[in-house]
Amino acid sequence: MRPSSTGSTDHLRKGREAEDRALSFLQQQGLRYVDRNFRTRCGEIDLVMDDSGILVFVEVRYRQHRGYGGAIESIDRAKCARLVATAQWYLNAKRVRGPARFDVVALELQATGATSVVWIKDAIRDA
């Protein structure tokens, strides 16, 4: 009997929904969509946005429960290093120059059933 990929498919669907929600939220804040799911061997950038001429690399994190820590706490040093390396690939591949920053959009399911959205601008400063 083959293992079911339902769990994996559900995880991917929820990740895509979280990215969609983060994208919509950021657009409501005035940011402009540039790119999405840029992948390299180093990692992946979930969203790339423009904030008045500043290129913004956005990491989207979603947690349904805090059993393993919250969405923000799930971003460790290794994840930050992968984000920076992937962003460098992006800048080189797209031949982009100018200011850039790293933001985090954290979504967490609350006990009430609502999802909270926390936007942290310039979340990785030593990049």
Protein backbone atom coordinates (compact mmCIF):
# COMPACT_ATOMS: atom_id res chain seq x y z
CA MET A 1 0.00 0.00 0.00
CA ARG A 2 1.41 3.39 -1.03
CA PRO A 3 1.54 6.24 1.50
CA SER A 4 -0.98 8.99 0.96
CA SER A 5 0.23 12.37 -0.23
CA THR A 6 -2.89 14.02 1.20
CA GLY A 7 -0.96 15.51 4.14
CA SER A 8 1.65 16.96 1.81
CA THR A 9 -0.99 18.30 -0.58
CA ASP A 10 -2.92 19.86 2.32
CA HIS A 11 0.27 21.46 3.63
CA LEU A 12 1.04 22.96 0.20
CA ARG A 13 -2.53 24.22 -0.17
CA LYS A 14 -2.43 25.92 3.23
CA GLY A 15 0.95 27.45 2.40
CA ARG A 16 -0.42 28.82 -0.87
CA GLU A 17 -3.47 30.23 0.93
CA ALA A 18 -1.23 31.92 3.50
CA GLU A 19 0.86 33.46 0.71
CA ASP A 20 -2.31 34.64 -1.04
CA ARG A 21 -3.52 36.25 2.17
CA ALA A 22 -0.14 37.89 2.82
CA LEU A 23 -0.04 39.19 -0.77
CA SER A 24 -3.50 40.69 -0.44
CA PHE A 25 -2.60 42.23 2.92
CA LEU A 26 0.59 43.81 1.57
CA GLN A 27 -1.20 45.17 -1.49
CA GLN A 28 -3.76 46.78 0.84
CA GLN A 29 -0.80 48.44 2.59
CA GLY A 30 0.31 49.95 -0.73
CA LEU A 31 3.02 47.51 -1.81
CA ARG A 32 3.15 46.39 -5.44
CA TYR A 33 3.53 42.74 -6.49
CA VAL A 34 6.78 41.90 -8.32
CA ASP A 35 7.36 38.13 -8.10
CA ARG A 36 6.46 35.00 -6.20
CA ASN A 37 8.05 31.69 -5.18
CA PHE A 38 11.53 32.42 -6.53
CA ARG A 39 13.47 29.18 -5.97
CA THR A 40 17.16 28.36 -6.09
CA ARG A 41 19.28 25.61 -4.62
CA CYS A 42 19.73 27.92 -1.59
CA GLY A 43 16.06 28.28 -0.80
CA GLU A 44 12.90 30.13 -1.75
CA ILE A 45 11.59 33.68 -1.50
CA ASP A 46 7.82 33.56 -0.97
CA LEU A 47 6.96 37.04 -2.25
CA VAL A 48 8.87 39.89 -3.82
CA MET A 49 7.17 43.26 -3.53
CA ASP A 50 7.96 46.90 -4.28
CA ASP A 51 7.48 49.46 -1.52
CA SER A 52 7.97 52.88 -3.12
CA GLY A 53 11.17 51.86 -4.92
CA ILE A 54 12.44 49.49 -2.25
CA LEU A 55 12.54 45.84 -3.27
CA VAL A 56 11.03 43.79 -0.45
CA PHE A 57 11.74 40.08 0.00
CA VAL A 58 8.88 38.65 2.05
CA GLU A 59 8.94 35.47 4.11
CA VAL A 60 5.41 34.25 4.85
CA ARG A 61 4.94 32.04 7.92
CA TYR A 62 1.70 30.34 8.95
CA ARG A 63 0.91 28.38 12.08
CA GLN A 64 -2.39 26.72 12.99
CA HIS A 65 -1.24 26.14 16.56
CA ARG A 66 1.67 27.15 18.76
CA GLY A 67 2.70 23.62 19.71
CA TYR A 68 6.10 24.07 18.06
CA GLY A 69 6.28 27.82 18.65
CA GLY A 70 4.64 30.66 16.81
CA ALA A 71 5.07 31.70 13.20
CA ILE A 72 7.64 34.37 13.99
CA GLU A 73 9.67 32.10 16.25
CA SER A 74 9.98 29.58 13.43
CA ILE A 75 12.46 31.81 11.61
CA ASP A 76 15.90 30.87 12.88
CA ARG A 77 19.45 31.89 11.89
CA ALA A 78 19.71 29.17 9.27
CA LYS A 79 16.45 30.32 7.63
CA CYS A 80 17.70 33.92 7.62
CA ALA A 81 20.95 32.82 5.95
CA ARG A 82 19.01 30.92 3.27
CA LEU A 83 16.78 33.96 2.65
CA VAL A 84 19.79 36.24 2.24
CA ALA A 85 21.53 33.80 -0.12
CA THR A 86 18.38 33.37 -2.21
CA ALA A 87 17.84 37.13 -2.36
CA GLN A 88 21.40 37.56 -3.64
CA TRP A 89 20.65 35.03 -6.39
CA TYR A 90 17.47 36.94 -7.23
CA LEU A 91 19.26 40.30 -7.43
CA ASN A 92 21.96 38.84 -9.68
CA ALA A 93 19.56 36.85 -11.89
CA LYS A 94 17.23 39.81 -12.41
CA ARG A 95 20.09 42.35 -12.55
CA VAL A 96 18.37 44.46 -9.94
CA ARG A 97 20.17 47.32 -8.18
CA GLY A 98 18.93 49.58 -5.46
CA PRO A 99 17.66 49.36 -1.92
CA ALA A 100 16.15 46.12 -0.63
CA ARG A 101 14.87 44.77 2.67
CA PHE A 102 13.48 41.60 4.22
CA ASP A 103 10.01 41.55 5.74
CA VAL A 104 8.08 38.81 7.49
CA VAL A 105 4.33 38.33 7.38
CA ALA A 106 3.26 35.94 10.13
CA LEU A 107 -0.22 34.47 10.15
CA GLU A 108 -1.51 32.53 13.15
CA LEU A 109 -4.86 30.87 13.72
CA GLN A 110 -6.36 32.20 16.96
CA ALA A 111 -8.57 30.31 19.41
CA THR A 112 -11.54 32.32 18.11
CA GLY A 113 -10.99 30.92 14.61
CA ALA A 114 -9.76 34.24 13.25
CA THR A 115 -6.30 34.53 11.73
CA SER A 116 -4.02 37.26 13.04
CA VAL A 117 -1.60 38.96 10.65
CA VAL A 118 1.65 40.46 11.90
CA TRP A 119 3.87 42.37 9.46
CA ILE A 120 7.47 42.94 10.50
CA LYS A 121 9.30 45.36 8.23
CA ASP A 122 13.07 45.07 7.90
CA ALA A 123 13.04 41.82 9.88
CA ILE A 124 16.58 40.83 8.87
CA ARG A 125 18.87 43.81 9.31
CA ASP A 126 22.34 42.29 9.18
CA ALA A 127 21.84 40.96 5.66
